[in-house]
Amino acid sequence: MKKSFARLSTMLLSAVILLSACGGGKAADQDNEPASEQKALTELTVVLPVAGSIPKDMQQVEDAINKIAAEKIQAKVKFEHISVGDWEQQTNLMFASGEKMDLLYLSGYNFSNIVAKGQLKPLDQLLEQHGQGIADALGKDYLQATRIGGEIYGTPTVRDLAASYGLTMSKDLVDKYKIDVASIKTLDDVEAVLRKVKEGEGPTMTPLVTGAAGQSFRENYVNYDSLNDTIGVLPSYDNGLKIVNYYETKEYAGFVNKIRGWYQDGLIPQDMATTQATRFDMIKAGKAFAYMAMQKPGFAESEKKLSGLELVTAELVPPVATTSTVTGAMWGIPVNSETPEKAMEFLNLMYTDKDIVNLYDWGIEGTHYVKVDGFDNVIDYPEGVDYNSVGYKMPLGWLFGNQFLSYVINGDDPEIWSKMDEFNKSSKRSKAMGFLFDASPVKTEYAAVSNVITQYKMPLETGSVDPEQILPEFISKLKSVGIDKIIAEKQKQLDEWAKTNGVK
């Protein structure tokens, strides 16, 4: 067999030489080039987090994605999944060792720090040449939110890019007390509803709880740009770009005094500052009626899946986009990448190619999901398969590029992505959207102020202490450890950012 193959190879090589000698060499080279190009796939490493174990059919899905990537951009990708708990340590080691990374998931909390370390490539030119689909899918104003020092360093994923805040209530009690949900617009409206339910349900009912254990009511009701940390905020998302100490404002004093009144009247639990009980457990036990939380389209349906409760929502604060809402999930190209152009080409597919998006989100059609009759975008599990037994599940649609291209699982709103798109488009933009504060010039004061806020925040913002006595003490301690210095530095950086970006 080997001898036959050798003779065949010799004959073919002789034929090529003969054609070249006859002037056919150029044509032969042209014929051979496409074949060689097709075999030379650029290998890309995509680094992203995973919660829990990697699905057993991950390799099948990766192979299916690579079939498309090879055809469209002549690339082959390898997904490097890192456990959420090990994320920071492992990615730091990968940067330090120069390990191959071509695309990296980014989150807003450490984004500016990674850029400051020079670990990401600027993307403006790469987006212009190879990533136009990203800008089209995301919207150029949202893309600008990741600009640092005049350069874009990350591409936010297409998902809910704004946040609204509202009241979520048990539908059973809403129906029982004939509550007009549409009329609930303010905290005074909320109070009236809470008192009605409290009166009807009796002393064991404390109708309002926070959105999660360890959160305060202030975190569940936000009408200012926190500028990522609440140590100097932008009231009403504008305020002429003038930063203030929120804890000194009349608005904060009014809020914590209102919460204190609710606490004293039994409208919120006495142990709200320390309890580990979930909102769902308390509602199921008949001890609570409602909670305040960040919301978005489909929020009630999502909460129902988690809790098994029928819920309805009322919007208190309309949607607003800030730096933190936009930069919560992003992608960047690390300096370790030796093929940034090809990395950007694959990133562009993550925002434009419906097949690639759904392969990563849901797996392989017929194996991991089937289409629901009558719908183009609704899927369900194949017969005999459910969420627990399916070989591939990666419930991280908000992470992988463009969630608006993702299918919708049966039972969810088939129009959820068009509604989310409208939610994003109709949202107000903070005047400081895109600003990222670098706390390193005041890191000593920043740490001290953060500790003071941790000490006072929960008691004040859950009604557990008297603001008349404790709020002045809180403000005094903040000043004694340097909050004014931090705000002055933040204002300086915001002014420089505004000047650089032409924001008046």
Protein backbone atom coordinates (compact mmCIF):
# COMPACT_ATOMS: atom_id res chain seq x y z
CA MET A 1 0.00 0.00 0.00
CA LYS A 2 2.83 2.37 0.97
CA LYS A 3 4.64 1.64 -2.33
CA SER A 4 1.47 2.36 -4.33
CA PHE A 5 0.98 5.65 -2.49
CA ALA A 6 4.62 6.61 -3.14
CA ARG A 7 4.30 5.82 -6.88
CA LEU A 8 1.08 7.87 -7.05
CA SER A 9 2.74 10.81 -5.30
CA THR A 10 5.71 10.66 -7.67
CA MET A 11 3.39 10.64 -10.70
CA LEU A 12 1.43 13.61 -9.39
CA LEU A 13 4.60 15.58 -8.60
CA SER A 14 5.97 14.83 -12.09
CA ALA A 15 2.74 16.07 -13.64
CA VAL A 16 2.95 19.34 -11.70
CA ILE A 17 6.57 19.87 -12.80
CA LEU A 18 5.65 19.11 -16.42
CA LEU A 19 2.76 21.61 -16.32
CA SER A 20 5.07 24.23 -14.82
CA ALA A 21 7.62 23.69 -17.57
CA CYS A 22 4.86 24.19 -20.15
CA GLY A 23 3.87 27.57 -18.65
CA GLY A 24 1.04 26.15 -16.56
CA GLY A 25 2.76 26.68 -13.19
CA LYS A 26 0.95 29.93 -12.37
CA ALA A 27 -2.48 28.42 -12.98
CA ALA A 28 -1.55 25.38 -10.91
CA ASP A 29 -0.44 27.59 -8.00
CA GLN A 30 -3.72 29.47 -8.12
CA ASP A 31 -5.66 26.20 -8.04
CA ASN A 32 -3.68 24.97 -5.04
CA GLU A 33 -3.88 28.13 -2.92
CA PRO A 34 -7.55 27.92 -1.87
CA ALA A 35 -7.12 24.32 -0.71
CA SER A 36 -4.14 25.22 1.46
CA GLU A 37 -5.92 28.28 2.84
CA GLN A 38 -8.92 26.18 3.85
CA LYS A 39 -6.68 23.87 5.88
CA ALA A 40 -4.88 26.70 7.71
CA LEU A 41 -7.38 27.40 10.44
CA THR A 42 -6.43 30.02 13.01
CA GLU A 43 -6.77 28.58 16.50
CA LEU A 44 -8.46 30.84 19.08
CA THR A 45 -8.80 30.40 22.83
CA VAL A 46 -11.96 31.86 24.34
CA VAL A 47 -11.76 32.24 28.13
CA LEU A 48 -15.07 32.48 30.00
CA PRO A 49 -16.57 31.61 33.40
CA VAL A 50 -18.74 28.64 34.24
CA ALA A 51 -20.96 28.08 37.25
CA GLY A 52 -20.97 24.45 38.31
CA SER A 53 -19.67 21.61 36.18
CA ILE A 54 -18.95 21.72 32.46
CA PRO A 55 -21.76 19.98 30.49
CA LYS A 56 -20.86 16.45 29.37
CA ASP A 57 -21.70 17.29 25.73
CA MET A 58 -19.59 20.46 25.67
CA GLN A 59 -17.16 19.00 23.13
CA GLN A 60 -19.99 18.15 20.71
CA VAL A 61 -21.22 21.73 20.91
CA GLU A 62 -17.71 23.12 20.48
CA ASP A 63 -17.23 20.94 17.39
CA ALA A 64 -20.49 22.20 15.90
CA ILE A 65 -19.49 25.83 16.52
CA ASN A 66 -16.12 25.16 14.93
CA LYS A 67 -17.73 23.79 11.80
CA ILE A 68 -19.37 27.19 11.29
CA ALA A 69 -16.28 29.15 12.33
CA ALA A 70 -14.09 27.21 9.91
CA GLU A 71 -16.45 27.90 7.03
CA LYS A 72 -17.08 31.57 7.76
CA ILE A 73 -13.78 32.92 9.13
CA GLN A 74 -11.32 30.01 8.79
CA ALA A 75 -10.89 29.71 12.54
CA LYS A 76 -11.13 27.04 15.21
CA VAL A 77 -12.05 27.96 18.77
CA LYS A 78 -11.31 26.29 22.06
CA PHE A 79 -13.49 27.27 25.03
CA GLU A 80 -11.47 27.56 28.22
CA HIS A 81 -14.01 27.45 31.04
CA ILE A 82 -12.92 28.62 34.49
CA SER A 83 -14.96 28.18 37.64
CA VAL A 84 -16.45 31.43 38.92
CA GLY A 85 -14.75 30.92 42.28
CA ASP A 86 -11.30 30.58 40.65
CA TRP A 87 -11.82 33.23 37.98
CA GLU A 88 -9.67 36.10 39.24
CA GLN A 89 -6.78 33.93 40.40
CA GLN A 90 -6.66 31.84 37.23
CA THR A 91 -6.94 34.72 34.76
CA ASN A 92 -4.24 36.64 36.63
CA LEU A 93 -1.96 33.61 36.29
CA MET A 94 -2.77 33.34 32.59
CA PHE A 95 -1.83 36.98 32.04
CA ALA A 96 1.36 36.63 34.08
CA SER A 97 2.51 33.52 32.23
CA GLY A 98 1.62 34.87 28.80
CA GLU A 99 -0.75 31.95 28.26
CA LYS A 100 -2.75 31.95 25.02
CA MET A 101 -5.95 33.99 25.36
CA ASP A 102 -7.71 35.47 22.36
CA LEU A 103 -11.07 36.49 23.82
CA LEU A 104 -11.77 37.11 27.50
CA TYR A 105 -15.01 37.65 29.40
CA LEU A 106 -14.93 40.91 31.38
CA SER A 107 -17.08 42.35 34.14
CA GLY A 108 -17.32 45.97 35.14
CA TYR A 109 -16.05 45.64 38.70
CA ASN A 110 -12.40 45.17 37.67
CA PHE A 111 -12.51 46.43 34.09
CA SER A 112 -10.64 49.72 34.62
CA ASN A 113 -8.00 47.89 36.68
CA ILE A 114 -7.31 45.41 33.86
CA VAL A 115 -7.05 48.27 31.36
CA ALA A 116 -4.70 50.19 33.68
CA LYS A 117 -2.42 47.13 33.82
CA GLY A 118 -2.20 47.14 30.01
CA GLN A 119 -3.74 43.67 29.75
CA LEU A 120 -6.28 44.45 27.01
CA LYS A 121 -5.87 45.56 23.42
CA PRO A 122 -7.66 48.74 22.26
CA LEU A 123 -10.51 47.79 19.95
CA ASP A 124 -11.45 50.85 17.88
CA GLN A 125 -9.54 49.88 14.75
CA LEU A 126 -10.39 46.18 15.10
CA LEU A 127 -14.09 47.01 15.45
CA GLU A 128 -13.97 49.24 12.39
CA GLN A 129 -12.28 46.57 10.26
CA HIS A 130 -13.73 43.30 11.57
CA GLY A 131 -16.50 44.06 14.07
CA GLN A 132 -19.15 46.19 12.41
CA GLY A 133 -21.82 43.67 13.33
CA ILE A 134 -21.08 44.28 17.01
CA ALA A 135 -21.70 48.02 16.75
CA ASP A 136 -24.89 47.42 14.76
CA ALA A 137 -26.25 44.89 17.28
CA LEU A 138 -25.26 46.83 20.40
CA GLY A 139 -25.75 50.45 19.41
CA LYS A 140 -22.86 52.87 19.25
CA ASP A 141 -23.83 54.84 22.37
CA TYR A 142 -23.69 51.71 24.52
CA LEU A 143 -20.37 50.75 22.96
CA GLN A 144 -18.93 54.12 24.02
CA ALA A 145 -19.50 53.21 27.70
CA THR A 146 -16.33 51.10 27.65
CA ARG A 147 -14.06 53.86 26.38
CA ILE A 148 -11.08 54.57 28.65
CA GLY A 149 -8.47 57.16 27.76
CA GLY A 150 -10.09 57.64 24.37
CA GLU A 151 -10.04 53.94 23.41
CA ILE A 152 -12.70 51.21 23.52
CA TYR A 153 -11.48 48.16 25.42
CA GLY A 154 -14.60 46.00 25.76
CA THR A 155 -17.80 45.10 23.95
CA PRO A 156 -20.85 44.81 26.25
CA THR A 157 -23.06 41.82 25.57
CA VAL A 158 -26.52 42.50 24.12
CA ARG A 159 -28.96 41.95 27.00
CA ASP A 160 -30.72 44.24 29.49
CA LEU A 161 -28.42 47.28 29.34
CA ALA A 162 -30.50 49.42 31.66
CA ALA A 163 -32.19 48.90 35.02
CA SER A 164 -35.50 49.88 36.50
CA TYR A 165 -36.59 49.46 40.12
CA GLY A 166 -39.98 48.43 41.36
CA LEU A 167 -42.23 46.53 43.71
CA THR A 168 -42.88 42.81 43.22
CA MET A 169 -46.00 41.45 44.92
CA SER A 170 -47.80 38.18 45.59
CA LYS A 171 -50.61 37.99 43.03
CA ASP A 172 -52.84 36.12 45.49
CA LEU A 173 -52.86 39.07 47.91
CA VAL A 174 -53.07 41.63 45.10
CA ASP A 175 -56.26 39.91 43.96
CA LYS A 176 -57.56 39.44 47.51
CA TYR A 177 -57.29 43.15 48.35
CA LYS A 178 -58.16 44.37 44.83
CA ILE A 179 -54.94 46.37 44.58
CA ASP A 180 -54.63 48.59 41.49
CA VAL A 181 -51.08 47.73 40.46
CA ALA A 182 -50.95 50.41 37.74
CA SER A 183 -51.54 53.13 40.35
CA ILE A 184 -48.40 52.28 42.35
CA LYS A 185 -45.85 54.90 41.28
CA THR A 186 -44.21 56.33 44.43
CA LEU A 187 -43.02 55.24 47.87
CA ASP A 188 -46.15 56.84 49.32
CA ASP A 189 -48.23 54.59 47.05
CA VAL A 190 -46.19 51.60 48.24
CA GLU A 191 -46.84 52.56 51.85
CA ALA A 192 -50.60 52.75 51.31
CA VAL A 193 -50.62 49.25 49.82
CA LEU A 194 -48.45 47.84 52.62
CA ARG A 195 -50.76 49.26 55.27
CA LYS A 196 -53.80 47.80 53.54
CA VAL A 197 -52.28 44.31 53.44
CA LYS A 198 -50.96 44.59 57.00
CA GLU A 199 -54.37 45.57 58.31
CA GLY A 200 -56.05 42.70 56.52
CA GLU A 201 -53.54 39.96 57.29
CA GLY A 202 -52.87 40.74 60.95
CA PRO A 203 -49.84 41.03 63.25
CA THR A 204 -47.85 38.09 61.83
CA MET A 205 -47.61 39.82 58.45
CA THR A 206 -44.66 42.17 57.84
CA PRO A 207 -45.56 42.95 54.22
CA LEU A 208 -42.29 44.31 52.79
CA VAL A 209 -38.88 42.60 52.62
CA THR A 210 -35.70 43.36 50.68
CA GLY A 211 -34.84 41.83 47.33
CA ALA A 212 -32.22 39.52 48.86
CA ALA A 213 -30.66 38.65 52.20
CA GLY A 214 -27.88 41.12 52.98
CA GLN A 215 -29.37 43.87 50.83
CA SER A 216 -30.88 47.10 52.12
CA PHE A 217 -34.00 48.86 50.89
CA ARG A 218 -31.87 51.66 49.48
CA GLU A 219 -30.09 49.17 47.21
CA ASN A 220 -33.52 48.09 45.92
CA TYR A 221 -34.68 51.64 45.15
CA VAL A 222 -32.15 53.75 43.25
CA ASN A 223 -32.83 57.10 41.56
CA TYR A 224 -29.26 58.32 41.12
CA ASP A 225 -26.11 57.19 39.33
CA SER A 226 -24.06 55.50 42.04
CA LEU A 227 -20.93 55.91 39.88
CA ASN A 228 -20.24 52.27 40.75
CA ASP A 229 -19.85 52.61 44.52
CA THR A 230 -22.15 55.30 46.11
CA ILE A 231 -19.08 57.10 47.47
CA GLY A 232 -20.06 60.26 45.63
CA VAL A 233 -23.13 59.97 43.38
CA LEU A 234 -24.85 61.85 40.56
CA PRO A 235 -28.42 62.78 41.62
CA SER A 236 -31.12 62.24 39.01
CA TYR A 237 -28.45 60.84 36.68
CA ASP A 238 -27.42 64.36 35.70
CA ASN A 239 -27.08 67.20 38.26
CA GLY A 240 -24.91 69.12 35.83
CA LEU A 241 -22.19 66.48 36.42
CA LYS A 242 -21.85 67.73 40.01
CA ILE A 243 -21.07 64.85 42.39
CA VAL A 244 -22.51 64.92 45.90
CA ASN A 245 -22.16 62.97 49.12
CA TYR A 246 -25.49 61.14 48.96
CA TYR A 247 -25.47 60.37 52.67
CA GLU A 248 -25.58 64.12 53.39
CA THR A 249 -28.55 64.85 51.13
CA LYS A 250 -32.13 65.57 52.15
CA GLU A 251 -33.20 62.72 49.86
CA TYR A 252 -31.19 60.17 51.84
CA ALA A 253 -32.41 61.51 55.18
CA GLY A 254 -35.99 61.42 53.95
CA PHE A 255 -35.60 57.84 52.70
CA VAL A 256 -34.09 56.37 55.87
CA ASN A 257 -36.67 58.21 58.01
CA LYS A 258 -39.49 56.71 55.92
CA ILE A 259 -38.00 53.23 56.25
CA ARG A 260 -37.68 53.79 60.01
CA GLY A 261 -41.38 54.62 60.16
CA TRP A 262 -42.25 51.44 58.29
CA TYR A 263 -40.08 49.47 60.70
CA GLN A 264 -41.79 50.96 63.74
CA ASP A 265 -45.24 50.25 62.29
CA GLY A 266 -44.47 46.61 61.57
CA LEU A 267 -44.48 47.00 57.78
CA ILE A 268 -41.00 45.42 57.56
CA PRO A 269 -39.43 42.67 59.71
CA GLN A 270 -37.57 43.65 62.88
CA ASP A 271 -34.60 41.44 61.87
CA MET A 272 -34.37 42.64 58.26
CA ALA A 273 -30.74 43.76 58.74
CA THR A 274 -29.55 40.32 59.78
CA THR A 275 -31.99 37.67 58.51
CA GLN A 276 -30.89 35.05 56.01
CA ALA A 277 -34.46 34.09 55.11
CA THR A 278 -35.22 34.55 51.39
CA ARG A 279 -37.97 36.74 50.02
CA PHE A 280 -39.64 33.68 48.54
CA ASP A 281 -39.60 31.71 51.81
CA MET A 282 -41.19 34.61 53.66
CA ILE A 283 -43.94 35.09 51.06
CA LYS A 284 -44.67 31.35 50.95
CA ALA A 285 -44.91 31.28 54.75
CA GLY A 286 -47.44 34.11 54.72
CA LYS A 287 -45.06 36.42 56.58
CA ALA A 288 -44.44 38.83 53.68
CA PHE A 289 -46.33 40.21 50.69
CA ALA A 290 -43.83 42.11 48.53
CA TYR A 291 -40.23 43.10 47.93
CA MET A 292 -38.44 45.88 46.11
CA ALA A 293 -35.80 44.95 43.54
CA MET A 294 -34.11 45.82 40.27
CA GLN A 295 -36.40 44.86 37.39
CA LYS A 296 -36.50 44.31 33.62
CA PRO A 297 -38.92 42.80 31.08
CA GLY A 298 -39.82 39.25 32.03
CA PHE A 299 -38.77 39.78 35.65
CA ALA A 300 -41.99 38.42 37.20
CA GLU A 301 -41.87 35.30 35.00
CA SER A 302 -38.22 34.72 35.90
CA GLU A 303 -38.95 35.09 39.60
CA LYS A 304 -41.88 32.69 39.26
CA LYS A 305 -39.54 30.03 37.87
CA LEU A 306 -37.25 30.46 40.86
CA SER A 307 -40.00 30.50 43.46
CA GLY A 308 -43.09 28.80 42.07
CA LEU A 309 -45.06 31.91 43.10
CA GLU A 310 -47.48 33.92 40.99
CA LEU A 311 -46.12 37.48 41.10
CA VAL A 312 -46.95 40.89 39.65
CA THR A 313 -44.76 43.99 39.44
CA ALA A 314 -45.13 47.76 39.60
CA GLU A 315 -42.42 50.05 38.23
CA LEU A 316 -41.28 52.78 40.64
CA VAL A 317 -38.15 54.06 38.85
CA PRO A 318 -38.15 53.99 35.00
CA PRO A 319 -35.21 52.29 33.22
CA VAL A 320 -31.89 54.10 33.19
CA ALA A 321 -28.58 53.02 31.67
CA THR A 322 -25.42 53.72 33.62
CA THR A 323 -21.83 52.60 33.28
CA SER A 324 -22.42 49.74 35.71
CA THR A 325 -25.54 48.43 33.94
CA VAL A 326 -23.77 48.44 30.57
CA THR A 327 -20.39 47.08 31.64
CA GLY A 328 -21.77 44.26 33.79
CA ALA A 329 -20.87 41.67 31.10
CA MET A 330 -18.38 42.34 28.30
CA TRP A 331 -15.75 40.82 26.03
CA GLY A 332 -12.22 41.98 25.38
CA ILE A 333 -9.11 40.87 23.50
CA PRO A 334 -6.14 40.26 25.84
CA VAL A 335 -2.65 41.46 24.98
CA ASN A 336 -1.69 37.77 24.98
CA SER A 337 -3.54 37.28 21.68
CA GLU A 338 -1.26 36.95 18.67
CA THR A 339 -4.19 37.02 16.23
CA PRO A 340 -6.42 39.91 17.39
CA GLU A 341 -7.94 40.40 13.94
CA LYS A 342 -9.18 36.82 13.83
CA ALA A 343 -10.32 37.09 17.46
CA MET A 344 -12.44 40.09 16.51
CA GLU A 345 -13.90 38.17 13.56
CA PHE A 346 -15.10 35.42 15.90
CA LEU A 347 -16.37 37.98 18.41
CA ASN A 348 -18.35 39.52 15.58
CA LEU A 349 -19.97 36.11 14.93
CA MET A 350 -20.97 35.96 18.61
CA TYR A 351 -23.05 39.10 18.01
CA THR A 352 -24.38 38.31 14.54
CA ASP A 353 -24.57 34.56 13.89
CA LYS A 354 -27.79 33.06 15.28
CA ASP A 355 -26.56 29.48 14.86
CA ILE A 356 -23.40 30.05 16.88
CA VAL A 357 -25.27 31.91 19.63
CA ASN A 358 -27.85 29.15 20.01
CA LEU A 359 -25.31 26.37 19.88
CA TYR A 360 -23.56 27.88 22.89
CA ASP A 361 -26.79 28.83 24.68
CA TRP A 362 -28.83 25.66 24.03
CA GLY A 363 -26.72 23.02 22.31
CA ILE A 364 -27.56 20.93 19.24
CA GLU A 365 -31.06 20.86 17.78
CA GLY A 366 -32.68 17.44 18.00
CA THR A 367 -30.27 16.35 20.73
CA HIS A 368 -30.52 19.04 23.38
CA TYR A 369 -33.65 20.87 22.22
CA VAL A 370 -36.43 20.80 19.63
CA LYS A 371 -38.40 23.61 18.04
CA VAL A 372 -41.97 24.15 19.27
CA ASP A 373 -44.52 23.91 16.47
CA GLY A 374 -45.85 27.26 15.37
CA PHE A 375 -42.86 29.26 16.59
CA ASP A 376 -39.55 30.19 14.99
CA ASN A 377 -37.82 31.08 18.24
CA VAL A 378 -39.42 28.89 20.95
CA ILE A 379 -37.80 25.60 21.95
CA ASP A 380 -38.37 22.78 24.42
CA TYR A 381 -36.54 19.67 25.55
CA PRO A 382 -36.78 16.56 23.37
CA GLU A 383 -39.18 13.82 24.42
CA GLY A 384 -37.87 11.95 27.45
CA VAL A 385 -35.41 14.73 28.31
CA ASP A 386 -35.71 17.51 30.87
CA TYR A 387 -33.51 20.19 32.43
CA ASN A 388 -31.89 17.71 34.81
CA SER A 389 -31.14 14.99 32.25
CA VAL A 390 -30.20 17.00 29.14
CA GLY A 391 -26.55 16.53 28.11
CA TYR A 392 -25.93 20.23 27.58
CA LYS A 393 -27.15 23.21 29.56
CA MET A 394 -25.40 26.53 29.79
CA PRO A 395 -27.91 29.01 31.29
CA LEU A 396 -25.70 32.02 30.62
CA GLY A 397 -27.37 33.61 27.61
CA TRP A 398 -26.55 37.09 28.89
CA LEU A 399 -22.85 36.22 28.66
CA PHE A 400 -22.38 34.94 25.13
CA GLY A 401 -22.48 37.90 22.75
CA ASN A 402 -26.00 38.72 21.59
CA GLN A 403 -28.79 37.33 23.77
CA PHE A 404 -31.40 38.80 21.42
CA LEU A 405 -30.48 36.08 18.90
CA SER A 406 -31.13 33.34 21.45
CA TYR A 407 -34.14 31.04 21.36
CA VAL A 408 -36.71 31.23 24.15
CA ILE A 409 -37.49 28.17 26.24
CA ASN A 410 -41.13 27.08 26.20
CA GLY A 411 -43.09 28.84 28.94
CA ASP A 412 -41.22 32.14 28.66
CA ASP A 413 -42.56 35.12 26.72
CA PRO A 414 -41.85 34.51 22.99
CA GLU A 415 -41.48 38.28 22.53
CA ILE A 416 -39.11 38.79 25.44
CA TRP A 417 -36.17 39.97 23.31
CA SER A 418 -38.16 42.53 21.32
CA LYS A 419 -39.48 43.86 24.63
CA MET A 420 -35.96 43.95 26.07
CA ASP A 421 -34.73 45.77 23.00
CA GLU A 422 -37.43 48.40 23.47
CA PHE A 423 -36.55 48.57 27.18
CA ASN A 424 -32.94 49.40 26.25
CA LYS A 425 -33.86 51.88 23.53
CA SER A 426 -36.40 53.74 25.67
CA SER A 427 -34.18 53.94 28.75
CA LYS A 428 -32.76 57.21 29.99
CA ARG A 429 -28.97 57.51 29.80
CA SER A 430 -27.02 58.80 32.75
CA LYS A 431 -24.98 61.82 31.75
CA ALA A 432 -21.98 60.00 33.23
CA MET A 433 -22.53 56.77 31.29
CA GLY A 434 -19.06 55.61 30.34
CA PHE A 435 -17.25 57.19 33.29
CA LEU A 436 -15.13 54.83 35.39
CA PHE A 437 -13.56 56.01 38.64
CA ASP A 438 -9.96 55.09 39.44
CA ALA A 439 -9.73 54.98 43.24
CA SER A 440 -5.98 54.32 43.39
CA PRO A 441 -5.04 57.99 44.18
CA VAL A 442 -7.22 57.78 47.31
CA LYS A 443 -7.00 54.08 48.08
CA THR A 444 -6.34 54.55 51.81
CA GLU A 445 -9.36 56.81 52.26
CA TYR A 446 -11.44 54.58 49.99
CA ALA A 447 -10.85 51.52 52.16
CA ALA A 448 -11.64 53.44 55.34
CA VAL A 449 -14.85 54.97 53.94
CA SER A 450 -15.98 51.58 52.62
CA ASN A 451 -15.60 50.11 56.10
CA VAL A 452 -17.70 52.89 57.65
CA ILE A 453 -20.45 52.43 55.06
CA THR A 454 -20.48 48.69 55.76
CA GLN A 455 -20.90 49.43 59.47
CA TYR A 456 -23.84 51.83 59.14
CA LYS A 457 -25.59 50.97 55.87
CA MET A 458 -27.73 47.99 56.87
CA PRO A 459 -29.01 49.33 60.22
CA LEU A 460 -29.97 52.70 58.70
CA GLU A 461 -31.39 51.40 55.45
CA THR A 462 -33.54 48.66 57.00
CA GLY A 463 -35.05 50.90 59.72
CA SER A 464 -33.28 49.13 62.56
CA VAL A 465 -31.90 52.34 64.15
CA ASP A 466 -33.16 55.88 64.64
CA PRO A 467 -31.79 58.13 61.86
CA GLU A 468 -32.21 61.22 64.05
CA GLN A 469 -29.44 59.87 66.27
CA ILE A 470 -27.38 57.63 63.98
CA LEU A 471 -27.31 59.51 60.65
CA PRO A 472 -25.30 62.50 61.99
CA GLU A 473 -22.85 60.05 63.55
CA PHE A 474 -22.56 58.20 60.22
CA ILE A 475 -21.89 61.40 58.27
CA SER A 476 -19.32 62.57 60.83
CA LYS A 477 -17.39 59.30 60.62
CA LEU A 478 -17.43 59.40 56.81
CA LYS A 479 -15.89 62.85 56.88
CA SER A 480 -13.32 61.91 59.50
CA VAL A 481 -11.90 59.12 57.32
CA GLY A 482 -11.80 61.11 54.07
CA ILE A 483 -15.00 60.91 52.03
CA ASP A 484 -14.63 64.54 50.94
CA LYS A 485 -11.17 63.81 49.54
CA ILE A 486 -12.56 60.86 47.56
CA ILE A 487 -15.42 62.94 46.16
CA ALA A 488 -12.99 65.71 45.15
CA GLU A 489 -10.83 63.17 43.30
CA LYS A 490 -13.87 61.59 41.66
CA GLN A 491 -15.13 65.03 40.59
CA LYS A 492 -11.72 65.84 39.11
CA GLN A 493 -11.71 62.61 37.10
CA LEU A 494 -15.33 63.12 35.98
CA ASP A 495 -14.52 66.65 34.78
CA GLU A 496 -11.54 65.33 32.80
CA TRP A 497 -13.67 62.53 31.35
CA ALA A 498 -16.40 65.00 30.34
CA LYS A 499 -13.86 67.27 28.64
CA THR A 500 -12.26 64.36 26.75
CA ASN A 501 -15.61 63.00 25.61
CA GLY A 502 -17.31 66.30 24.83
CA VAL A 503 -19.96 65.91 27.56
CA LYS A 504 -21.25 69.25 28.80
